[in-house]
Protein backbone atom coordinates (compact mmCIF):
# COMPACT_ATOMS: atom_id res chain seq x y z
CA MET A 1 23.50 20.68 -26.22
CA LEU A 2 20.47 19.57 -24.23
CA MET A 3 20.76 17.08 -21.44
CA LYS A 4 17.77 15.27 -19.95
CA SER A 5 18.09 13.90 -16.44
CA SER A 6 15.89 11.43 -14.69
CA MET A 7 12.49 11.14 -13.16
CA LEU A 8 12.25 11.17 -9.41
CA GLY A 9 9.55 8.62 -8.67
CA LEU A 10 7.51 7.06 -5.97
CA VAL A 11 6.51 3.44 -6.12
CA VAL A 12 3.44 2.93 -3.99
CA LEU A 13 2.97 -0.73 -2.88
CA CYS A 14 0.41 -1.47 -1.76
CA CYS A 15 1.08 -3.24 -0.31
CA GLN A 16 -0.84 -3.28 1.25
CA GLN A 17 -4.24 -3.17 1.08
CA ALA A 18 -0.97 -4.93 -1.01
CA SER A 19 -0.05 -5.21 -4.57
CA ALA A 20 3.44 -4.64 -5.84
CA GLY A 21 3.65 -1.07 -6.95
CA GLY A 22 0.17 0.23 -6.58
CA LEU A 23 -2.42 -0.45 -3.91
CA THR A 24 -2.91 0.49 -0.31
CA LEU A 25 -2.11 -2.51 1.87
CA TYR A 26 -4.86 -4.85 3.01
CA GLU A 27 -2.15 -6.69 4.93
CA TYR A 28 -1.36 -5.04 8.25
CA SER A 29 -0.27 -7.91 10.51
CA THR A 30 -3.74 -9.24 11.44
CA ASP A 31 -5.95 -12.25 10.73
CA ASN A 32 -7.43 -10.27 7.82
CA VAL A 33 -4.42 -11.49 5.82
CA GLY A 34 -5.78 -15.06 5.80
CA LEU A 35 -9.14 -13.93 4.37
CA ALA A 36 -7.82 -11.75 1.48
CA ASN A 37 -9.87 -8.86 2.95
CA ALA A 38 -13.19 -10.77 2.72
CA GLY A 39 -15.72 -9.59 5.31
CA VAL A 40 -13.28 -7.02 6.68
CA ALA A 41 -15.86 -4.29 7.45
CA ALA A 42 -18.38 -6.69 9.02
CA ARG A 43 -16.47 -9.37 10.98
CA ALA A 44 -15.74 -7.39 14.18
CA GLN A 45 -13.80 -10.34 15.63
CA GLY A 46 -11.05 -8.38 17.38
CA PRO A 47 -9.68 -4.88 18.02
CA SER A 48 -8.06 -4.74 14.57
CA THR A 49 -11.55 -3.80 13.36
CA ILE A 50 -10.31 -0.24 14.08
CA ALA A 51 -8.42 -0.33 10.77
CA ALA A 52 -11.39 -1.60 8.77
CA ASN A 53 -14.59 -0.41 10.49
CA PRO A 54 -14.49 1.25 13.93
CA ALA A 55 -18.17 0.39 14.46
CA GLY A 56 -16.98 -3.17 15.10
CA LEU A 57 -15.66 -2.06 18.50
CA SER A 58 -19.26 -2.32 19.75
CA TYR A 59 -19.11 -6.12 19.34
CA LEU A 60 -16.05 -6.61 21.58
CA ASP A 61 -16.41 -7.33 25.31
CA GLY A 62 -14.12 -6.11 28.08
CA THR A 63 -10.59 -5.07 27.15
CA GLN A 64 -8.84 -6.72 24.22
CA ILE A 65 -5.33 -6.33 22.80
CA THR A 66 -3.97 -7.61 19.48
CA ALA A 67 -0.28 -7.37 18.56
CA GLY A 68 1.09 -8.67 15.29
CA ALA A 69 4.19 -8.88 13.10
CA GLN A 70 4.46 -9.40 9.36
CA LEU A 71 7.03 -10.11 6.66
CA LEU A 72 6.30 -8.87 3.14
CA TYR A 73 8.39 -10.25 0.26
CA GLY A 74 8.07 -11.04 -3.42
CA ASP A 75 9.52 -10.99 -6.93
CA LEU A 76 9.44 -7.78 -8.96
CA GLY A 77 11.94 -8.50 -11.73
CA PHE A 78 12.20 -6.56 -14.99
CA SER A 79 13.24 -8.01 -18.37
CA ARG A 80 14.42 -5.42 -20.92
CA ASP A 81 13.81 -5.95 -24.63
CA ASP A 82 15.59 -4.81 -27.81
CA GLN A 83 13.79 -1.44 -27.82
CA THR A 84 15.74 -0.31 -24.75
CA ASN A 85 18.54 2.05 -25.81
CA VAL A 86 20.19 2.62 -22.41
CA SER A 87 23.07 0.45 -21.25
CA GLY A 88 22.69 -1.62 -18.11
CA GLY A 89 21.04 -4.74 -16.77
CA ASN A 90 17.55 -5.71 -15.63
CA GLY A 91 17.92 -4.63 -12.02
CA GLY A 92 17.26 -8.04 -10.44
CA ASN A 93 14.45 -8.44 -7.93
CA ALA A 94 13.66 -4.84 -7.02
CA LEU A 95 11.22 -5.56 -4.22
CA VAL A 96 12.84 -5.12 -0.83
CA THR A 97 11.74 -7.60 1.86
CA SER A 98 9.92 -5.51 4.46
CA PRO A 99 8.97 -6.34 8.06
CA SER A 100 6.11 -4.52 9.78
CA ALA A 101 4.05 -4.66 12.96
CA SER A 102 0.71 -3.53 14.34
CA PHE A 103 -0.94 -2.95 17.71
CA PHE A 104 -4.63 -2.57 18.59
CA VAL A 105 -6.47 -2.20 21.89
CA SER A 106 -10.21 -1.94 22.59
CA HIS A 107 -12.23 -1.29 25.75
CA ARG A 108 -15.96 -1.47 26.32
CA LEU A 109 -17.12 1.36 28.58
CA ASP A 110 -20.77 0.32 28.98
CA ASP A 111 -23.62 -1.23 27.01
CA ASN A 112 -23.43 1.53 24.39
CA TRP A 113 -19.95 3.04 24.26
CA SER A 114 -16.62 1.48 23.28
CA ILE A 115 -13.21 3.03 22.64
CA GLY A 116 -9.97 1.84 21.06
CA PHE A 117 -6.62 2.72 19.57
CA GLY A 118 -4.66 1.25 16.68
CA THR A 119 -1.26 1.79 15.11
CA TYR A 120 -0.38 0.03 11.87
CA GLY A 121 1.20 0.45 8.45
CA ASP A 122 -1.13 0.05 5.49
CA PHE A 123 0.58 2.17 2.86
CA GLY A 124 4.10 2.02 1.49
CA LEU A 125 6.87 0.32 -0.43
CA ALA A 126 10.61 -0.18 -0.62
CA ALA A 127 12.25 -0.93 -3.98
CA ASP A 128 15.89 -1.11 -5.07
CA PHE A 129 16.74 -1.61 -8.76
CA GLY A 130 20.44 -0.97 -8.28
CA ASP A 131 22.66 1.86 -9.50
CA SER A 132 23.48 0.56 -13.00
CA TRP A 133 20.26 -0.96 -14.37
CA SER A 134 18.72 0.19 -17.68
CA GLY A 135 16.05 2.30 -16.00
CA ARG A 136 18.41 4.15 -13.67
CA TYR A 137 17.52 7.52 -15.24
CA VAL A 138 13.96 6.93 -14.07
CA THR A 139 14.63 5.42 -10.66
CA GLN A 140 17.24 3.52 -8.68
CA LYS A 141 16.03 3.29 -5.08
CA GLU A 142 12.71 4.27 -3.54
CA SER A 143 10.94 3.95 -0.23
CA LEU A 144 7.61 5.31 0.89
CA VAL A 145 6.40 4.27 4.34
CA ALA A 146 3.32 5.50 6.20
CA LEU A 147 2.39 4.72 9.81
CA SER A 148 -1.20 5.30 10.98
CA LEU A 149 -2.23 6.25 14.53
CA VAL A 150 -6.00 5.90 14.99
CA PRO A 151 -7.88 6.61 18.27
CA SER A 152 -11.46 5.42 17.80
CA VAL A 153 -14.89 5.39 19.41
CA ALA A 154 -18.06 3.38 18.71
CA TYR A 155 -21.67 3.63 19.83
CA ARG A 156 -24.20 0.79 19.79
CA PHE A 157 -27.82 1.95 19.49
CA ASN A 158 -29.36 -1.52 19.86
CA ASP A 159 -28.80 -5.12 18.78
CA GLN A 160 -29.06 -4.11 15.12
CA TRP A 161 -27.17 -0.83 14.66
CA SER A 162 -23.68 0.39 15.57
CA VAL A 163 -21.60 3.33 14.36
CA GLY A 164 -17.94 4.22 14.79
CA LEU A 165 -15.42 6.99 14.19
CA GLY A 166 -11.63 6.96 14.10
CA ILE A 167 -9.36 9.99 13.77
CA LYS A 168 -6.34 9.04 11.65
CA ALA A 169 -2.91 10.65 11.84
CA MET A 170 -0.49 9.28 9.22
CA TYR A 171 3.23 9.87 9.31
CA GLY A 172 4.74 9.55 5.83
CA MET A 173 8.44 8.98 5.14
CA LEU A 174 9.76 9.33 1.60
CA LYS A 175 13.20 8.68 0.12
CA THR A 176 14.07 8.31 -3.55
CA GLN A 177 17.16 8.29 -5.73
CA ALA A 178 17.78 8.34 -9.50
CA ALA A 179 20.70 8.76 -11.88
CA ILE A 180 21.10 11.75 -14.20
CA ASP A 181 22.09 11.14 -17.82
CA ARG A 182 24.93 13.57 -18.50
CA SER A 183 25.64 12.10 -21.94
CA PRO A 184 22.31 11.98 -23.81
CA LEU A 185 22.43 10.31 -27.23
CA GLY A 186 26.03 9.37 -26.47
CA LEU A 187 27.30 12.73 -27.70
CA THR A 188 29.76 13.09 -24.82
CA ASP A 189 31.61 10.79 -22.51
CA ARG A 190 30.42 11.88 -19.07
CA SER A 191 29.65 9.79 -16.03
CA ASP A 192 26.14 9.79 -14.56
CA GLY A 193 25.03 12.43 -12.12
CA GLN A 194 22.84 11.70 -9.13
CA LEU A 195 19.53 13.04 -7.83
CA LYS A 196 18.20 12.47 -4.29
CA TYR A 197 15.04 13.63 -2.55
CA SER A 198 13.62 12.84 0.90
CA ASP A 199 11.13 14.21 3.43
CA ASN A 200 8.92 13.24 6.36
CA THR A 201 5.49 14.74 6.97
CA TRP A 202 2.12 14.25 8.68
CA GLY A 203 -1.30 13.85 7.07
CA TYR A 204 -4.72 13.58 8.71
CA GLY A 205 -8.05 11.91 7.97
CA ALA A 206 -10.84 9.83 9.47
CA ASN A 207 -12.37 6.35 9.44
CA LEU A 208 -16.17 6.11 9.59
CA GLY A 209 -18.31 3.01 9.77
CA VAL A 210 -21.68 1.46 10.44
CA ILE A 211 -22.71 -2.15 11.07
CA TYR A 212 -26.25 -3.44 10.67
CA SER A 213 -27.13 -6.85 12.13
CA PRO A 214 -30.66 -7.90 11.12
CA GLN A 215 -30.16 -11.14 13.05
CA PRO A 216 -27.38 -12.50 15.32
CA SER A 217 -25.90 -14.61 12.51
CA THR A 218 -25.70 -11.75 9.97
CA ARG A 219 -23.65 -8.56 9.92
CA ILE A 220 -23.45 -6.01 7.10
CA GLY A 221 -20.70 -3.40 7.40
CA LEU A 222 -20.18 -0.19 5.46
CA ALA A 223 -16.95 1.75 6.05
CA TYR A 224 -15.45 4.95 4.67
CA THR A 225 -11.84 6.05 4.95
CA SER A 226 -11.17 9.67 4.07
CA GLU A 227 -8.39 10.95 1.87
CA VAL A 228 -5.09 11.81 3.57
CA LYS A 229 -2.91 14.48 1.99
CA PHE A 230 0.88 14.39 2.09
CA ASP A 231 2.85 17.50 1.14
CA PHE A 232 6.46 16.40 0.81
CA LYS A 233 8.93 19.30 0.62
CA ASP A 234 12.69 19.12 0.19
CA HIS A 235 15.65 20.69 -1.55
CA LEU A 236 16.84 18.61 -4.49
CA THR A 237 20.26 17.14 -3.82
CA VAL A 238 22.11 16.89 -7.13
CA TYR A 239 25.60 15.47 -7.65
CA GLY A 240 27.56 16.02 -10.86
CA GLN A 241 29.72 18.57 -12.57
CA GLY A 242 28.44 21.36 -14.78
CA PRO A 243 26.61 24.67 -14.26
CA ALA A 244 23.19 23.24 -15.15
CA LEU A 245 23.40 20.60 -12.42
CA ARG A 246 24.73 23.10 -9.91
CA ARG A 247 21.69 25.30 -10.53
CA LEU A 248 19.41 22.34 -9.72
CA ASP A 249 21.19 21.51 -6.48
CA GLY A 250 19.18 22.88 -3.56
CA LEU A 251 16.07 23.64 -5.63
CA ASP A 252 12.92 23.75 -3.45
CA THR A 253 10.56 21.00 -4.65
CA GLN A 254 7.16 19.86 -3.42
CA LEU A 255 5.34 16.59 -4.15
CA THR A 256 1.66 16.42 -3.21
CA MET A 257 0.06 13.00 -2.82
CA HIS A 258 -3.40 11.96 -1.68
CA VAL A 259 -3.69 8.58 0.02
CA PRO A 260 -6.97 7.44 -1.59
CA GLN A 261 -10.33 7.66 0.10
CA THR A 262 -12.06 4.27 0.17
CA VAL A 263 -15.53 2.81 0.54
CA THR A 264 -15.89 -0.80 1.71
CA LEU A 265 -19.06 -2.91 1.88
CA SER A 266 -18.77 -6.28 3.64
CA LEU A 267 -20.95 -9.21 4.64
CA TYR A 268 -20.44 -11.74 7.44
CA GLN A 269 -22.95 -14.61 7.40
CA GLU A 270 -22.91 -17.59 9.78
CA LEU A 271 -24.39 -20.67 8.11
CA ASP A 272 -24.32 -22.89 11.19
CA GLN A 273 -22.16 -23.38 14.28
CA ARG A 274 -19.13 -24.25 12.16
CA TRP A 275 -19.33 -22.41 8.82
CA ALA A 276 -19.43 -18.72 7.92
CA LEU A 277 -19.28 -16.99 4.55
CA LEU A 278 -17.70 -13.56 4.01
CA ALA A 279 -17.61 -11.07 1.13
CA THR A 280 -16.27 -7.58 0.39
CA ALA A 281 -16.65 -4.99 -2.36
CA ASN A 282 -14.15 -2.14 -2.17
CA TRP A 283 -13.58 1.14 -4.07
CA GLN A 284 -10.45 3.29 -3.92
CA ASP A 285 -10.19 6.83 -5.30
CA TRP A 286 -6.78 6.59 -7.01
CA SER A 287 -7.74 9.12 -9.70
CA ARG A 288 -6.96 11.90 -7.16
CA PHE A 289 -3.61 10.51 -6.09
CA GLY A 290 -1.63 13.44 -7.50
CA ASP A 291 2.11 13.80 -8.10
CA VAL A 292 4.29 10.71 -8.39
CA THR A 293 7.37 12.01 -10.17
CA ILE A 294 9.55 15.04 -10.68
CA ASP A 295 10.77 15.41 -14.26
CA VAL A 296 14.02 17.35 -14.38
CA ASP A 297 15.24 19.01 -17.61
CA THR A 298 18.64 20.66 -17.82
CA SER A 299 20.55 22.45 -20.55
CA ALA A 300 23.65 24.58 -20.85
CA VAL A 301 21.63 27.73 -20.19
CA GLY A 302 19.02 26.71 -17.66
CA ALA A 303 17.27 24.09 -15.58
CA ARG A 304 13.67 23.17 -14.91
CA ALA A 305 11.97 20.74 -12.52
CA THR A 306 8.32 19.79 -13.04
CA THR A 307 6.07 17.56 -10.96
CA ILE A 308 4.28 14.86 -12.94
CA ASN A 309 0.77 13.53 -12.30
CA ALA A 310 0.29 9.77 -12.51
CA ASP A 311 -2.97 9.72 -14.53
CA TYR A 312 -4.30 7.01 -12.25
CA LYS A 313 -7.83 5.66 -12.34
CA ASP A 314 -10.05 4.38 -9.54
CA THR A 315 -9.71 0.74 -8.48
CA TYR A 316 -12.15 -1.91 -7.27
CA GLN A 317 -11.84 -5.13 -5.30
CA LEU A 318 -14.09 -8.15 -4.89
CA ALA A 319 -13.22 -10.66 -2.17
CA PHE A 320 -14.86 -13.87 -0.96
CA GLY A 321 -13.90 -16.01 2.00
CA THR A 322 -14.94 -18.62 4.49
CA GLN A 323 -14.36 -19.49 8.14
CA TYR A 324 -14.64 -23.01 9.53
CA ASN A 325 -14.52 -24.01 13.19
CA VAL A 326 -12.48 -27.20 12.95
CA THR A 327 -12.69 -27.65 16.73
CA PRO A 328 -13.87 -25.35 19.54
CA GLN A 329 -10.25 -24.11 19.76
CA LEU A 330 -9.26 -24.00 16.05
CA LEU A 331 -10.70 -21.61 13.44
CA TRP A 332 -9.62 -21.93 9.79
CA ASN A 333 -9.76 -18.94 7.38
CA ALA A 334 -9.51 -18.85 3.59
CA GLY A 335 -10.14 -16.20 0.95
CA ILE A 336 -9.74 -15.15 -2.67
CA ALA A 337 -9.82 -11.62 -4.12
CA TYR A 338 -9.37 -9.67 -7.35
CA ASP A 339 -8.18 -6.06 -7.64
CA THR A 340 -8.32 -3.92 -10.76
CA SER A 341 -5.31 -1.82 -11.75
CA ALA A 342 -4.95 1.90 -11.13
CA VAL A 343 -2.91 2.31 -14.32
CA SER A 344 -3.45 1.20 -17.92
CA ASP A 345 -0.76 -0.61 -19.92
CA SER A 346 -0.02 2.56 -21.90
CA ASN A 347 0.59 4.63 -18.73
CA ARG A 348 2.56 2.07 -16.74
CA THR A 349 6.09 3.10 -15.79
CA VAL A 350 8.99 1.39 -14.08
CA THR A 351 8.41 3.78 -11.20
CA VAL A 352 4.87 2.52 -10.67
CA PRO A 353 4.72 -1.07 -11.98
CA MET A 354 1.21 -2.01 -10.98
CA GLY A 355 -1.52 -4.03 -12.63
CA ASP A 356 -4.52 -6.24 -11.94
CA SER A 357 -3.89 -8.68 -9.11
CA TRP A 358 -5.33 -11.91 -7.71
CA ARG A 359 -5.02 -12.88 -4.05
CA LEU A 360 -5.15 -16.35 -2.53
CA ALA A 361 -5.02 -16.51 1.26
CA THR A 362 -5.40 -18.83 4.22
CA GLY A 363 -4.74 -18.82 7.95
CA ALA A 364 -5.70 -20.33 11.30
CA THR A 365 -6.52 -19.04 14.77
CA TYR A 366 -5.94 -21.26 17.80
CA ALA A 367 -7.30 -20.51 21.27
CA LEU A 368 -4.64 -21.27 23.88
CA ASP A 369 -7.26 -20.68 26.56
CA LYS A 370 -10.51 -18.72 26.87
CA ASP A 371 -8.65 -15.39 26.98
CA THR A 372 -5.69 -15.92 24.64
CA GLU A 373 -5.47 -16.86 20.98
CA VAL A 374 -2.75 -16.94 18.33
CA ASN A 375 -3.16 -16.51 14.58
CA VAL A 376 -0.87 -17.33 11.65
CA SER A 377 -1.84 -16.21 8.14
CA TRP A 378 -0.45 -16.18 4.60
CA VAL A 379 -1.43 -14.47 1.35
CA MET A 380 -0.13 -14.62 -2.22
CA ALA A 381 -0.84 -11.68 -4.57
CA TRP A 382 -0.22 -12.53 -8.23
CA LEU A 383 0.36 -9.67 -10.69
CA GLY A 384 1.69 -11.67 -13.65
CA ASN A 385 3.30 -9.85 -16.59
CA MET A 386 3.25 -6.05 -16.75
CA PRO A 387 4.66 -4.48 -19.94
CA VAL A 388 6.42 -1.09 -19.85
CA ASP A 389 7.55 1.19 -22.69
CA GLN A 390 8.81 4.50 -21.34
CA SER A 391 10.79 7.19 -23.15
CA LYS A 392 12.30 10.57 -22.36
CA THR A 393 11.46 13.38 -24.78
CA LEU A 394 14.72 15.32 -24.87
CA SER A 395 17.42 12.70 -24.39
CA GLY A 396 15.60 9.91 -26.22
CA ASP A 397 16.42 7.46 -23.40
CA ARG A 398 14.03 4.51 -23.61
CA ILE A 399 13.34 1.64 -21.23
CA SER A 400 11.18 -1.10 -22.71
CA GLY A 401 10.27 -4.60 -21.56
CA GLU A 402 8.10 -6.11 -18.88
CA PHE A 403 7.92 -7.12 -15.26
CA THR A 404 7.62 -10.90 -15.64
CA ASN A 405 5.58 -13.17 -13.37
CA ALA A 406 5.49 -10.59 -10.58
CA TRP A 407 4.15 -11.72 -7.21
CA LEU A 408 3.96 -10.67 -3.60
CA GLN A 409 3.52 -12.70 -0.40
CA ALA A 410 2.94 -11.82 3.24
CA VAL A 411 3.28 -14.03 6.30
CA THR A 412 1.70 -12.76 9.49
CA GLY A 413 1.61 -13.84 13.12
CA ASN A 414 -0.39 -12.17 15.88
CA MET A 415 -1.80 -12.76 19.33
CA THR A 416 -4.95 -11.50 21.05
CA TRP A 417 -5.46 -11.16 24.78
CA ARG A 418 -8.86 -10.54 26.46
CA PHE A 419 -9.29 -9.15 29.96
């Protein structure tokens, strides 16, 4: 008798750049949250430019420090339909509320050279569907968190041209858990087994950027972020009786993921002393992402574990925003953005429930004095309905339905000090 276990999956949020289940996070505890990423590679309005375009360091005077905190929350609830043949519920709201923080510092050395350092989280997710939901043989709990450390340098040739480079070290932390179906097709009466996998590892890349300013009121920024490779390695931890499961326990398994390379083109245009318009076009290379699941097959005579590629496709973003100086002390931000999906409806799984998303954002920056300012920002990412129909070949286990009215929000607060 054959027995099919579960998939071991990663849900990548993206947050942000942030969209439930699929995009690198644009939200990393800065004022960029209130602009929905509009103008991100051209604004150069604080040391957080390190994350978007290190060339922006050339536009910052003296020494500046920005520290921020963020709360990411949302609704990622699944509704099963009559095609589902596995017992269990819907899993409730699977998205785990996640706090995060960031820190950036910049220093201008002379008229040409500037340096800086940033640490922030712009890639990751935490999801918990519960132990007894209908998709438990695919996933139960997942978390993928990545922290970036980015020392950077910028050089300003003249009033028009600046370039920058950041060396990125990313520390990735992965944990995932799924149930194992020990009674496929209901032929036996066995309780579920359990599969766990976790690892921490480093990956390395670079941020490159250039800013061209044809006139003081106009900046055009082009930024490139290289791919970062994670090689997660761990022994499968399998719980459950039977020789097939015992043979899986301790099996060496590797998951290879590529945090996507990106290209971002942004515009910052001052219209007058009060108004500015901002825009961004962004490309992300999700087609090279790599492994997202481990498919485990077991039988009475053997066991096999196979890594599964996600069949992702590249994504694109368009973002537009505005800034308005309400008073000399108060700056208002607003933005709207649209992201395409890295997965088609036919390839969507409960492990990676992503789709097209819309962002609506706003925020405000208030200058407490000439050297200190505080910012509060908010963004809503709307994913809507995302259908899923996912089956297992050997056991016949099927999870069918949709994530209904899915959304994600982030609230951010940060302060900037200038010396």
